[in-house]
Amino acid sequence: MGHQRDEPPRAEAPAPQRADAQRNRERILEVALNELTCSADTPLSVIAKKAGVGQGTLYRNFPSREALVLEIYRYEMRQVADSAEQLLKCREPDRALREWMDRLARFAMAKAGLADAIRQATSGPGSPEKPAHSPVTEAAELLLRRCEEAGTIRPGVTADDL
């Protein structure tokens, strides 16, 4: 009889998502944002169908309504926050700040339905905490500091002042 060596299990890094899986996830987020903005009570089955995926695919990506709602919120906030640096690359700081604030205001106004969904997802015992606004606050501070350096706003204005 041959002697087999026991080899320790290999620790494998998580595999990156396949391109089609990433597209499915993004499509789910896009449809869910639109649907939940219109109605916080939109059934997940409707979101899956409109996204062109099965319910299993939706639940593999987002195991609960709460997980989906919070990921939409985080994703949208990251988009707003990330736009600050993009604007600073191609605009003067004061113009970048104005355009960024316009984008933030449009996001806030358009998401009344999503706000209801977030409240539903984060209310009650055992619910996850409401997501923080820190990426947006950091983006606002970045824009304000650049405006301050350019001399277009008075020194010391903070994100809270906005």
Protein backbone atom coordinates (compact mmCIF):
# COMPACT_ATOMS: atom_id res chain seq x y z
CA MET A 1 0.00 0.00 0.00
CA GLY A 2 1.28 3.40 -0.90
CA HIS A 3 1.59 6.01 1.78
CA GLN A 4 -0.18 9.28 1.01
CA ARG A 5 0.99 12.46 2.58
CA ASP A 6 -1.63 14.67 4.11
CA GLU A 7 -1.19 18.10 2.63
CA PRO A 8 -2.52 21.11 4.46
CA PRO A 9 -5.43 22.77 2.71
CA ARG A 10 -4.39 25.72 0.60
CA ALA A 11 -5.70 29.12 1.51
CA GLU A 12 -7.15 30.53 -1.66
CA ALA A 13 -7.84 34.18 -2.25
CA PRO A 14 -11.43 34.92 -3.18
CA ALA A 15 -11.80 34.78 -6.93
CA PRO A 16 -12.81 37.99 -8.65
CA GLN A 17 -16.34 37.99 -9.98
CA ARG A 18 -16.77 36.86 -13.56
CA ALA A 19 -17.67 39.66 -15.97
CA ASP A 20 -21.20 38.33 -16.45
CA ALA A 21 -21.71 38.05 -12.67
CA GLN A 22 -20.50 41.63 -12.23
CA ARG A 23 -22.88 42.81 -14.97
CA ASN A 24 -25.76 40.99 -13.24
CA ARG A 25 -24.90 42.64 -9.93
CA GLU A 26 -24.72 46.11 -11.51
CA ARG A 27 -27.99 45.53 -13.39
CA ILE A 28 -29.70 44.47 -10.14
CA LEU A 29 -28.42 47.60 -8.39
CA GLU A 30 -29.54 49.86 -11.24
CA VAL A 31 -33.05 48.35 -11.44
CA ALA A 32 -33.40 48.25 -7.65
CA LEU A 33 -32.43 51.92 -7.38
CA ASN A 34 -35.08 52.90 -9.92
CA GLU A 35 -37.78 50.63 -8.48
CA LEU A 36 -37.15 51.40 -4.80
CA THR A 37 -36.95 55.12 -5.51
CA CYS A 38 -40.48 54.88 -6.92
CA SER A 39 -41.78 52.55 -4.20
CA ALA A 40 -39.95 51.32 -1.10
CA ASP A 41 -42.24 48.26 -1.08
CA THR A 42 -41.33 46.94 -4.54
CA PRO A 43 -41.08 43.14 -4.25
CA LEU A 44 -37.62 41.66 -4.86
CA SER A 45 -39.18 39.29 -7.41
CA VAL A 46 -40.14 42.34 -9.53
CA ILE A 47 -36.60 43.71 -9.26
CA ALA A 48 -35.10 40.36 -10.32
CA LYS A 49 -37.47 40.07 -13.28
CA LYS A 50 -36.83 43.63 -14.51
CA ALA A 51 -33.06 43.09 -14.09
CA GLY A 52 -33.34 39.96 -16.25
CA VAL A 53 -32.02 37.62 -13.56
CA GLY A 54 -33.52 34.81 -11.53
CA GLN A 55 -34.38 35.24 -7.88
CA GLY A 56 -31.49 32.90 -7.00
CA THR A 57 -29.04 35.28 -8.66
CA LEU A 58 -30.52 38.22 -6.78
CA TYR A 59 -30.28 36.40 -3.45
CA ARG A 60 -26.71 35.20 -4.13
CA ASN A 61 -25.70 38.83 -4.50
CA PHE A 62 -28.00 40.29 -1.86
CA PRO A 63 -29.21 37.79 0.74
CA SER A 64 -31.91 40.15 2.05
CA ARG A 65 -33.86 43.26 1.16
CA GLU A 66 -31.83 45.13 3.76
CA ALA A 67 -28.54 44.08 2.15
CA LEU A 68 -29.76 45.25 -1.25
CA VAL A 69 -31.05 48.60 -0.01
CA LEU A 70 -27.89 49.35 1.95
CA GLU A 71 -25.64 48.38 -0.97
CA ILE A 72 -27.60 50.71 -3.29
CA TYR A 73 -27.15 53.52 -0.80
CA ARG A 74 -23.41 52.84 -0.42
CA TYR A 75 -22.94 52.54 -4.18
CA GLU A 76 -24.75 55.80 -4.93
CA MET A 77 -22.90 57.66 -2.16
CA ARG A 78 -19.57 56.36 -3.51
CA GLN A 79 -20.51 57.64 -6.96
CA VAL A 80 -21.23 61.12 -5.57
CA ALA A 81 -18.08 61.07 -3.43
CA ASP A 82 -15.85 59.82 -6.26
CA SER A 83 -17.08 62.54 -8.58
CA ALA A 84 -15.29 65.18 -6.46
CA GLU A 85 -11.82 64.11 -7.57
CA GLN A 86 -12.98 63.72 -11.18
CA LEU A 87 -14.35 67.26 -11.17
CA LEU A 88 -11.16 68.66 -9.63
CA LYS A 89 -9.14 67.17 -12.49
CA CYS A 90 -10.99 69.18 -15.12
CA ARG A 91 -12.48 72.19 -13.33
CA GLU A 92 -11.29 75.07 -11.20
CA PRO A 93 -11.92 74.28 -7.50
CA ASP A 94 -14.84 76.69 -7.06
CA ARG A 95 -16.54 75.38 -10.22
CA ALA A 96 -15.90 71.78 -9.13
CA LEU A 97 -17.46 72.49 -5.73
CA ARG A 98 -20.57 74.06 -7.32
CA GLU A 99 -21.03 71.17 -9.78
CA TRP A 100 -20.46 68.59 -7.03
CA MET A 101 -23.01 70.26 -4.75
CA ASP A 102 -25.51 70.32 -7.63
CA ARG A 103 -24.96 66.59 -8.13
CA LEU A 104 -25.35 65.91 -4.40
CA ALA A 105 -28.57 67.95 -4.30
CA ARG A 106 -30.00 66.12 -7.35
CA PHE A 107 -29.14 62.80 -5.73
CA ALA A 108 -30.81 63.79 -2.47
CA MET A 109 -33.98 65.06 -4.17
CA ALA A 110 -34.33 62.07 -6.49
CA LYS A 111 -33.97 59.51 -3.73
CA ALA A 112 -37.03 60.17 -1.57
CA GLY A 113 -38.33 56.65 -2.24
CA LEU A 114 -34.94 55.17 -1.51
CA ALA A 115 -34.85 57.07 1.77
CA ASP A 116 -38.08 55.29 2.74
CA ALA A 117 -36.51 51.95 1.82
CA ILE A 118 -33.42 52.77 3.91
CA ARG A 119 -35.56 53.70 6.89
CA GLN A 120 -37.46 50.42 6.53
CA ALA A 121 -34.22 48.45 6.18
CA THR A 122 -32.61 50.03 9.24
CA SER A 123 -35.54 50.22 11.64
CA GLY A 124 -36.48 47.70 14.26
CA PRO A 125 -34.47 45.44 16.56
CA GLY A 126 -31.50 43.67 15.04
CA SER A 127 -31.46 45.89 11.97
CA PRO A 128 -28.15 47.01 10.53
CA GLU A 129 -26.93 50.48 11.38
CA LYS A 130 -27.74 53.30 9.02
CA PRO A 131 -24.86 53.86 6.62
CA ALA A 132 -22.45 56.67 7.36
CA HIS A 133 -21.96 59.63 5.05
CA SER A 134 -18.18 59.72 5.53
CA PRO A 135 -17.16 59.32 1.85
CA VAL A 136 -19.39 62.27 0.96
CA THR A 137 -18.09 64.28 3.91
CA GLU A 138 -14.50 63.49 2.89
CA ALA A 139 -15.25 64.55 -0.70
CA ALA A 140 -16.79 67.81 0.52
CA GLU A 141 -13.72 68.48 2.68
CA LEU A 142 -11.41 67.79 -0.29
CA LEU A 143 -13.30 70.29 -2.45
CA LEU A 144 -13.42 72.88 0.34
CA ARG A 145 -9.68 72.62 1.02
CA ARG A 146 -8.92 73.05 -2.71
CA CYS A 147 -11.19 76.10 -2.83
CA GLU A 148 -9.48 77.46 0.27
CA GLU A 149 -6.04 76.94 -1.33
CA ALA A 150 -7.25 78.72 -4.47
CA GLY A 151 -8.57 81.60 -2.34
CA THR A 152 -12.16 81.22 -3.54
CA ILE A 153 -13.68 80.60 -0.10
CA ARG A 154 -12.83 81.84 3.35
CA PRO A 155 -10.51 79.60 5.39
CA GLY A 156 -12.07 77.13 7.83
CA VAL A 157 -15.37 76.34 6.06
CA THR A 158 -16.25 72.70 6.85
CA ALA A 159 -18.54 70.08 5.35
CA ASP A 160 -20.86 70.62 8.30
CA ASP A 161 -21.10 74.31 7.34
CA LEU A 162 -22.43 73.29 3.93
